[in-house]
Protein backbone atom coordinates (compact mmCIF):
# COMPACT_ATOMS: atom_id res chain seq x y z
CA MET A 1 0.00 0.00 0.00
CA VAL A 2 1.24 3.50 -0.77
CA LEU A 3 -0.08 6.88 0.34
CA ILE A 4 1.36 9.95 -1.36
CA TRP A 5 0.40 13.57 -0.62
CA GLN A 6 1.83 16.24 -2.90
CA ASN A 7 0.87 19.91 -3.10
CA LYS A 8 0.11 22.23 -5.97
CA GLY A 9 3.73 23.14 -6.60
CA LEU A 10 4.73 19.56 -7.33
CA GLY A 11 1.62 18.22 -9.14
CA ASN A 12 -2.05 17.53 -8.52
CA ILE A 13 -2.75 14.05 -9.77
CA LEU A 14 -4.58 11.18 -8.10
CA GLN A 15 -3.46 7.79 -9.31
CA ILE A 16 -4.78 4.46 -8.07
CA SER A 17 -2.95 1.28 -8.91
CA PHE A 18 -4.62 -2.03 -8.05
CA SER A 19 -2.53 -5.16 -7.97
CA LEU A 20 -4.72 -8.16 -8.71
CA SER A 21 -2.96 -11.38 -9.68
CA GLY A 22 -0.11 -9.37 -11.09
CA ILE A 23 -2.35 -7.17 -13.27
CA HIS A 24 -2.10 -3.37 -12.78
CA VAL A 25 -4.92 -1.02 -13.75
CA HIS A 26 -4.22 2.73 -13.56
CA LYS A 27 -6.83 5.48 -13.19
CA GLY A 28 -6.02 9.15 -12.80
CA HIS A 29 -7.81 12.48 -12.36
CA THR A 30 -7.25 15.92 -10.85
CA ALA A 31 -7.48 15.71 -7.07
CA CYS A 32 -8.27 19.39 -6.41
CA GLN A 33 -12.05 19.21 -6.65
CA SER A 34 -14.58 21.01 -4.45
CA GLY A 35 -15.26 19.06 -1.28
CA SER A 36 -12.35 16.63 -1.81
CA HIS A 37 -9.72 18.37 0.33
CA LEU A 38 -7.80 16.31 2.85
CA SER A 39 -8.08 17.43 6.46
CA ASP A 40 -5.04 17.77 8.69
CA LYS A 41 -5.73 14.64 10.74
CA ASP A 42 -7.83 12.28 8.63
CA VAL A 43 -7.51 10.21 5.48
CA PRO A 44 -10.91 10.12 3.68
CA ASP A 45 -12.53 6.68 3.71
CA TRP A 46 -12.97 6.76 -0.05
CA LEU A 47 -9.18 6.83 -0.45
CA VAL A 48 -8.40 3.96 1.91
CA PRO A 49 -8.24 0.50 0.32
CA HIS A 50 -9.41 -2.63 2.07
CA ALA A 51 -6.48 -4.70 3.28
CA GLU A 52 -7.56 -7.69 1.23
CA ASP A 53 -7.45 -5.63 -1.99
CA ASN A 54 -3.66 -5.51 -1.85
CA ALA A 55 -3.87 -2.07 -3.47
CA GLU A 56 -1.43 0.78 -3.77
CA ILE A 57 -2.85 4.29 -3.46
CA TYR A 58 -1.13 7.44 -4.68
CA VAL A 59 -2.71 10.73 -3.57
CA ARG A 60 -1.55 14.18 -4.66
CA TYR A 61 -3.45 17.06 -3.08
CA CYS A 62 -3.59 20.82 -3.56
CA GLN A 63 -4.78 21.36 0.02
CA GLY A 64 -1.72 21.67 2.28
CA LEU A 65 -1.38 19.47 5.35
CA THR A 66 0.01 21.07 8.50
CA ALA A 67 0.30 17.78 10.39
CA ILE A 68 0.77 14.12 9.59
CA PRO A 69 -2.61 12.30 9.60
CA THR A 70 -3.19 10.03 12.58
CA ASN A 71 -5.59 7.49 11.06
CA ILE A 72 -3.31 5.98 8.41
CA PRO A 73 -4.27 2.28 8.11
CA THR A 74 -1.94 -0.11 9.90
CA TYR A 75 -1.35 -2.21 6.79
CA ILE A 76 0.12 0.64 4.71
CA GLU A 77 3.64 -0.16 3.47
CA LYS A 78 4.69 3.13 1.88
CA ILE A 79 3.95 6.77 2.74
CA GLN A 80 5.03 9.82 0.80
CA ILE A 81 3.99 13.34 1.82
CA LEU A 82 5.66 16.01 -0.30
CA GLY A 83 5.57 19.79 -0.39
CA GLU A 84 3.30 20.42 2.60
CA PRO A 85 3.62 23.00 5.43
CA ILE A 86 4.29 20.28 8.00
CA THR A 87 6.76 21.51 10.63
CA ILE A 88 7.02 18.64 13.11
CA ILE A 89 7.14 14.85 13.25
CA GLU A 90 5.64 13.94 16.61
CA ALA A 91 6.65 11.02 18.80
CA ASN A 92 4.88 7.71 18.12
CA ILE A 93 3.00 9.09 15.10
CA PHE A 94 3.78 5.95 13.08
CA ASP A 95 3.99 3.37 15.87
CA GLN A 96 0.97 1.38 14.68
CA ILE A 97 2.17 1.03 11.07
CA ALA A 98 4.51 -1.89 11.62
CA LYS A 99 4.57 -2.93 7.95
CA LEU A 100 5.87 0.41 6.71
CA ILE A 101 8.94 -0.06 4.50
CA LEU A 102 9.22 3.42 2.92
CA LEU A 103 8.65 6.84 4.51
CA ASP A 104 9.23 9.91 2.34
CA LEU A 105 8.66 13.29 4.02
CA ALA A 106 10.89 15.37 1.73
CA PHE A 107 10.22 18.91 0.49
CA ASN A 108 8.19 19.93 3.54
CA GLU A 109 8.94 22.51 6.24
CA ILE A 110 9.93 20.10 9.00
CA SER A 111 12.17 21.71 11.59
CA THR A 112 11.57 19.33 14.51
CA VAL A 113 11.69 15.55 14.78
CA GLN A 114 10.74 14.42 18.27
CA LEU A 115 12.50 11.56 20.00
CA GLY A 116 10.38 8.48 19.37
CA ALA A 117 9.06 9.77 16.03
CA PHE A 118 10.01 6.51 14.36
CA ASN A 119 9.07 4.14 17.17
CA GLY A 120 7.55 0.92 15.91
CA LEU A 121 9.01 1.14 12.41
CA THR A 122 11.06 -2.02 12.70
CA SER A 123 10.45 -2.93 9.05
CA LEU A 124 11.34 0.48 7.60
CA GLU A 125 13.97 0.26 4.86
CA GLU A 126 13.97 3.76 3.33
CA LEU A 127 13.63 7.11 5.10
CA PHE A 128 13.72 10.40 3.20
CA LEU A 129 13.82 13.69 5.12
CA HIS A 130 15.67 15.82 2.60
CA HIS A 131 14.81 19.41 1.64
CA ASN A 132 13.35 20.36 4.99
CA ARG A 133 14.45 22.80 7.72
CA LEU A 134 16.14 20.48 10.19
CA THR A 135 18.97 21.95 12.25
CA SER A 136 19.52 18.97 14.54
CA LEU A 137 18.27 15.48 15.35
CA PRO A 138 17.71 13.96 18.82
CA SER A 139 20.02 11.30 20.21
CA GLY A 140 18.47 7.86 20.01
CA LEU A 141 16.21 8.76 17.08
CA CYS A 142 17.14 5.67 15.03
CA LYS A 143 17.28 3.05 17.78
CA GLN A 144 14.32 1.08 16.40
CA LEU A 145 15.34 1.33 12.75
CA GLY A 146 17.32 -1.87 12.57
CA SER A 147 16.06 -2.66 9.05
CA LEU A 148 16.80 0.77 7.57
CA LYS A 149 18.96 0.64 4.44
CA THR A 150 18.68 4.20 3.13
CA LEU A 151 18.68 7.44 5.17
CA VAL A 152 18.58 10.72 3.23
CA LEU A 153 19.02 13.97 5.20
CA LYS A 154 20.48 16.18 2.46
CA ASN A 155 19.52 19.81 1.89
CA ASN A 156 18.67 20.70 5.47
CA GLU A 157 20.40 23.07 7.88
CA ILE A 158 22.07 20.52 10.16
CA SER A 159 25.25 21.92 11.70
CA SER A 160 26.21 19.13 14.10
CA LEU A 161 25.29 15.54 14.89
CA SER A 162 25.98 13.33 17.88
CA SER A 163 27.00 9.73 17.47
CA GLU A 164 23.87 8.63 19.37
CA VAL A 165 21.67 9.81 16.48
CA PHE A 166 22.73 6.83 14.38
CA GLU A 167 22.62 4.16 17.10
CA GLY A 168 20.69 1.10 16.00
CA LEU A 169 21.36 1.36 12.26
CA SER A 170 22.64 -2.17 11.87
CA ALA A 171 21.59 -2.57 8.21
CA LEU A 172 22.25 0.92 6.80
CA GLU A 173 23.75 0.93 3.29
CA THR A 174 23.39 4.58 2.21
CA LEU A 175 23.71 7.72 4.35
CA ASP A 176 23.23 11.04 2.58
CA LEU A 177 24.17 14.15 4.56
CA GLN A 178 25.13 16.40 1.66
CA SER A 179 24.21 20.09 1.47
CA ASN A 180 23.94 20.81 5.18
CA LYS A 181 26.09 22.95 7.48
CA ILE A 182 28.07 20.20 9.21
CA ASN A 183 31.49 21.51 10.29
CA GLN A 184 33.04 18.59 12.14
CA LEU A 185 33.28 14.82 11.75
CA GLN A 186 34.19 13.56 15.18
CA ALA A 187 35.89 10.22 15.78
CA ASP A 188 32.78 8.35 16.99
CA LEU A 189 30.19 10.01 14.74
CA PHE A 190 29.25 6.85 12.86
CA ARG A 191 29.82 4.28 15.61
CA GLY A 192 26.09 3.39 15.70
CA ILE A 193 26.18 2.27 12.06
CA SER A 194 27.25 -1.25 11.23
CA SER A 195 30.70 -1.09 9.67
CA ASP A 196 29.83 -4.16 7.56
CA SER A 197 26.69 -2.74 5.94
CA LEU A 198 27.52 0.86 4.95
CA LEU A 199 28.23 1.16 1.21
CA GLN A 200 27.71 4.84 0.33
CA LEU A 201 28.43 7.95 2.39
CA TYR A 202 27.72 11.46 1.12
CA ILE A 203 29.02 14.39 3.19
CA ASN A 204 29.71 16.75 0.30
CA HIS A 205 28.71 20.40 0.21
CA ASN A 206 29.01 21.02 3.95
CA GLN A 207 31.44 23.09 6.01
CA VAL A 208 33.68 20.28 7.25
CA SER A 209 37.13 21.63 8.15
CA SER A 210 38.62 18.49 9.70
CA LEU A 211 38.30 14.72 9.50
CA HIS A 212 39.39 12.67 12.49
CA PRO A 213 41.49 9.67 11.38
CA ASP A 214 39.14 7.33 13.29
CA THR A 215 35.88 8.67 11.83
CA LEU A 216 35.86 6.08 9.05
CA LYS A 217 37.64 3.34 10.92
CA GLY A 218 36.34 -0.16 10.25
CA PHE A 219 34.10 0.59 7.25
CA SER A 220 35.72 -2.09 5.14
CA ASN A 221 32.78 -2.45 2.72
CA LEU A 222 32.30 1.25 1.95
CA ASP A 223 32.21 1.68 -1.84
CA ARG A 224 31.63 5.41 -2.36
CA LEU A 225 32.73 8.41 -0.28
CA GLN A 226 32.03 12.04 -1.18
CA LEU A 227 33.78 14.75 0.85
CA ASN A 228 33.90 17.32 -1.92
CA GLU A 229 32.85 20.95 -1.51
CA ASN A 230 33.92 21.31 2.11
CA LYS A 231 36.63 23.32 3.88
CA LEU A 232 39.19 20.58 4.39
CA SER A 233 42.76 21.87 4.31
CA GLN A 234 44.56 18.75 5.48
CA LEU A 235 44.09 15.03 6.03
CA GLN A 236 46.05 12.99 8.52
CA ALA A 237 48.03 9.97 7.44
CA ASN A 238 46.04 6.75 7.04
CA SER A 239 42.67 8.52 7.26
CA PHE A 240 41.24 6.00 4.79
CA GLN A 241 43.34 2.94 5.65
CA ASP A 242 40.36 0.67 6.52
CA LEU A 243 38.44 1.46 3.32
CA SER A 244 39.79 -1.46 1.33
CA ALA A 245 36.60 -1.78 -0.79
CA LEU A 246 36.31 1.92 -1.67
CA THR A 247 36.11 2.52 -5.43
CA TYR A 248 35.15 6.22 -5.56
CA LEU A 249 36.62 9.08 -3.51
CA ALA A 250 35.72 12.72 -4.18
CA LEU A 251 37.83 15.39 -2.46
CA ARG A 252 37.44 18.17 -5.02
CA ASP A 253 36.56 21.76 -4.12
CA ASN A 254 38.33 21.86 -0.76
CA ASP A 255 41.29 23.89 0.54
CA PHE A 256 44.18 21.41 0.31
CA THR A 257 47.59 22.88 -0.45
CA ALA A 258 49.45 19.60 0.16
CA LEU A 259 48.66 15.99 1.03
CA GLU A 260 50.51 13.60 3.33
CA PHE A 261 52.68 10.95 1.68
CA ASN A 262 50.57 8.07 3.08
CA VAL A 263 47.14 9.68 3.11
CA PHE A 264 45.76 7.19 0.56
CA ASN A 265 47.24 4.07 2.15
CA GLY A 266 44.85 1.12 2.16
CA LEU A 267 42.73 2.20 -0.82
CA THR A 268 43.62 -0.88 -2.81
CA SER A 269 40.28 -1.02 -4.67
CA LEU A 270 40.01 2.67 -5.56
CA LYS A 271 39.06 3.35 -9.20
CA GLN A 272 38.32 7.09 -9.18
CA LEU A 273 40.11 9.81 -7.21
CA LEU A 274 38.91 13.37 -7.70
CA LEU A 275 41.16 16.14 -6.35
CA GLU A 276 40.36 18.98 -8.73
CA ARG A 277 39.70 22.58 -7.70
CA ASN A 278 41.88 22.62 -4.62
CA LYS A 279 45.05 24.64 -4.00
CA ILE A 280 47.58 21.81 -4.15
CA LEU A 281 51.11 23.10 -4.66
CA ARG A 282 53.02 19.85 -4.53
CA LEU A 283 52.67 16.07 -4.34
CA ASP A 284 55.04 13.46 -2.94
CA SER A 285 56.29 10.91 -5.46
CA GLY A 286 54.84 7.89 -3.62
CA ILE A 287 51.48 9.33 -2.67
CA PHE A 288 49.57 7.06 -5.09
CA ASN A 289 51.58 3.88 -4.53
CA ASP A 290 48.68 1.88 -3.04
CA LEU A 291 46.30 2.72 -5.88
CA SER A 292 47.08 -0.07 -8.33
CA LYS A 293 43.44 -0.29 -9.49
CA LEU A 294 42.96 3.44 -10.05
CA ARG A 295 41.45 4.21 -13.45
CA LYS A 296 40.70 7.94 -13.24
CA LEU A 297 42.78 10.61 -11.50
CA ASN A 298 41.77 14.27 -11.61
CA LEU A 299 44.30 16.84 -10.40
CA GLY A 300 42.95 19.69 -12.51
CA GLN A 301 42.59 23.30 -11.39
CA ASN A 302 45.23 23.21 -8.68
CA GLN A 303 48.55 25.06 -8.37
CA LEU A 304 51.01 22.35 -9.36
CA SER A 305 54.20 23.60 -11.01
CA GLU A 306 55.80 20.17 -11.37
CA LEU A 307 55.12 16.45 -11.14
CA PRO A 308 57.67 14.44 -9.14
CA PHE A 309 59.54 11.63 -10.86
CA GLY A 310 57.73 8.30 -10.61
CA ILE A 311 54.46 9.71 -9.29
CA PHE A 312 52.38 7.47 -11.59
CA ASN A 313 54.67 4.41 -11.54
CA GLN A 314 52.33 2.16 -9.53
CA LEU A 315 49.14 3.14 -11.36
CA SER A 316 49.15 0.25 -13.82
CA SER A 317 45.36 0.42 -14.34
CA LEU A 318 45.21 4.18 -15.01
CA GLU A 319 43.04 5.13 -17.99
CA GLU A 320 42.51 8.87 -17.49
CA VAL A 321 44.72 11.51 -15.91
CA HIS A 322 43.59 15.13 -15.77
CA ILE A 323 46.20 17.78 -14.87
CA HIS A 324 44.64 20.75 -16.66
CA ASN A 325 44.65 24.33 -15.36
CA ASN A 326 47.81 24.11 -13.29
CA PHE A 327 51.20 25.81 -13.63
CA LEU A 328 53.20 22.99 -15.20
CA ILE A 329 56.20 24.26 -17.18
CA THR A 330 57.68 20.88 -18.18
CA ILE A 331 56.68 17.21 -18.10
CA GLN A 332 59.45 14.87 -17.05
CA SER A 333 60.68 12.03 -19.24
CA ASN A 334 58.97 8.68 -18.64
CA ILE A 335 56.28 10.29 -16.46
CA PHE A 336 53.70 8.01 -18.14
CA SER A 337 56.04 5.08 -18.54
CA GLY A 338 54.41 1.67 -18.21
CA LEU A 339 50.83 2.99 -18.23
CA ILE A 340 49.66 0.62 -20.93
CA ASN A 341 45.96 1.28 -20.27
CA LEU A 342 46.20 5.06 -20.54
CA LYS A 343 43.51 6.43 -22.88
CA GLU A 344 43.22 10.12 -22.03
CA ILE A 345 45.56 12.87 -20.79
CA SER A 346 44.44 16.45 -20.19
CA LEU A 347 47.24 19.02 -19.99
CA GLU A 348 45.43 22.09 -21.31
CA ASN A 349 45.84 25.52 -19.74
CA ASN A 350 49.27 25.02 -18.21
CA LEU A 351 52.58 26.78 -18.97
CA LEU A 352 54.10 24.07 -21.15
CA ARG A 353 56.56 25.29 -23.78
CA SER A 354 57.33 21.84 -25.17
CA LEU A 355 56.18 18.23 -24.93
CA ASP A 356 58.69 15.57 -25.72
CA ALA A 357 58.03 12.01 -26.88
CA SER A 358 60.08 10.75 -23.93
CA ILE A 359 57.07 11.16 -21.61
CA PHE A 360 56.10 7.70 -22.90
CA SER A 361 58.28 4.62 -22.96
CA ILE A 362 56.16 2.82 -25.57
CA THR A 363 53.62 3.92 -28.13
CA PRO A 364 50.09 4.13 -26.68
CA THR A 365 47.41 2.02 -28.36
CA HIS A 366 45.00 4.94 -28.55
CA LEU A 367 45.22 8.27 -26.77
CA VAL A 368 42.96 11.31 -26.48
CA LEU A 369 45.08 14.37 -25.66
CA TRP A 370 44.07 17.81 -24.38
CA LEU A 371 46.83 20.34 -25.05
CA SER A 372 45.29 23.72 -25.88
CA GLY A 373 45.97 26.81 -23.79
CA ASN A 374 49.75 26.27 -23.43
CA PRO A 375 52.46 28.67 -24.79
CA LEU A 376 54.05 25.87 -26.83
CA ARG A 377 57.01 26.43 -29.13
CA CYS A 378 56.22 24.04 -31.93
CA THR A 379 59.44 22.66 -33.43
CA SER A 380 60.59 19.38 -34.90
CA ALA A 381 60.78 18.04 -31.34
CA MET A 382 57.00 17.75 -31.50
CA CYS A 383 57.00 15.71 -34.70
CA TRP A 384 56.03 12.69 -32.62
CA ILE A 385 52.59 14.26 -32.21
CA LYS A 386 52.17 14.68 -35.95
CA ASP A 387 53.33 11.09 -36.32
CA GLY A 388 50.75 9.92 -33.78
CA GLU A 389 47.99 11.64 -35.71
CA GLN A 390 49.08 10.05 -38.96
CA GLN A 391 49.38 6.60 -37.41
CA GLY A 392 45.94 6.97 -35.84
CA TRP A 393 46.82 6.31 -32.21
CA LEU A 394 46.55 9.98 -31.13
CA GLU A 395 43.52 12.25 -31.42
CA TRP A 396 42.60 15.61 -29.95
CA ALA A 397 39.86 16.01 -27.41
CA VAL A 398 36.78 17.83 -28.67
CA LEU A 399 34.41 19.64 -26.31
CA ASP A 400 31.51 21.89 -27.33
CA GLY A 401 32.82 21.96 -30.87
CA LYS A 402 36.33 23.06 -29.86
CA THR A 403 39.31 20.89 -30.68
CA HIS A 404 41.97 20.99 -27.96
CA ALA A 405 44.99 20.74 -30.27
CA PRO A 406 48.24 22.65 -29.56
CA GLU A 407 48.37 26.39 -30.04
CA CYS A 408 51.86 27.37 -31.13
CA ALA A 409 53.27 30.56 -29.61
CA ASN A 410 55.97 30.73 -32.31
CA HIS A 411 53.53 30.35 -35.21
CA ASP A 412 50.91 33.03 -34.91
CA ASN A 413 47.75 32.61 -36.91
CA VAL A 414 48.70 29.11 -38.07
CA SER A 415 46.56 26.27 -36.80
CA TRP A 416 48.14 23.02 -35.72
CA GLU A 417 46.35 21.25 -38.53
CA ASN A 418 48.02 23.45 -41.13
CA LEU A 419 51.41 23.66 -39.44
CA ASP A 420 54.37 22.13 -41.27
CA LEU A 421 57.18 21.13 -38.89
CA ASP A 422 59.26 19.58 -41.67
CA CYS A 423 59.04 16.20 -39.96
CA PRO A 424 60.89 13.18 -41.37
CA LYS A 425 58.73 10.47 -42.86
CA GLY A 426 58.02 7.16 -41.19
CA ARG A 427 57.59 5.93 -37.69
CA TYR A 428 60.76 6.66 -35.80
CA LEU A 429 59.92 7.76 -32.29
CA PHE A 430 59.31 4.59 -30.31
CA ILE A 431 61.33 1.44 -30.11
CA ASP A 432 58.47 -0.69 -28.79
CA THR A 433 54.71 -0.72 -29.34
CA ILE A 434 51.84 -2.17 -27.33
């Protein structure tokens, strides 16, 4: 069974779906008719199915509710109330609806959730409270939510949370806290969540300035972690060391100027690491040594002036590396040596004056290259690029109709396509090929 309330701003349709022997019949009409408004405390009898019907009811009303109805049938499995002027979830309001598996109270004006609001909801699997006006949550709120798999609290005004809020969440897989005002992630914040169950954690777009090294301790099955768009300026060594199953880590749009040598230790399953739009000035040569499964690395829009020798040596699975919009003047020889899976390199908008063939040790199979926006001096030393185009293993990235080919500072008004570097014929640059 499903009950959905939705106000004028989000739609005004009544839809009834009956499930009879696997056959679904849909009927719809406008719900905002004279005399059909829903009162604050009651669900009209004509909208309540008989339990034996095994029906699902969707109700979208123009008339705003200011409180959650108290006479919702006990056999209802799903409730969705959207876009209403409800400001509070009272204690024990759902305690008789033991079969409830989904509760969606998003896009309301809820500022208070009383302790005991979710008492009795031992079967609840999904709880959505996003886009409300919550500033805090009471300790012990989730104690009876042992079946909950998804908790979405994004787009509220929460500034702090105690570890007791999440006590009892033994089955939680997804926790979404993004777009709040959280400024601290204390060591025991997530201790009430089972470390075996949590798979996705979203804390992006907050005001987090520090991450305790024990905050994420033990979450060995976590797959996705988003800490982007915060105010982090440093991370302690081994902050992620227990996250051996993590495949996606977003740290972009923070305030990092440098990162510890062993900050990414333990991330042996990581496939994507996003560090763009920080203020990183330098990187240690072994910082990525544990990331043998990394496929995408984004270091764009930082303040890097050089890349240390061997920085990519252990990234044998790397397919994309983005280093655009930095201050790179040169690229060291063999910087991409051994990266046989490399398919895309973005180096646009740096300060490169040349790009030598020695950055590779063997000819790539196929490579998309971004190189525009550099003050390159195009000479015969760049004939390897022309050769790559002719051989078909190198192509220029194209975005919004623009081709990101080199722009030659010493050949004004001559496009790369029309530039003659007087290159010798034949393939002569690489000894080996893949």
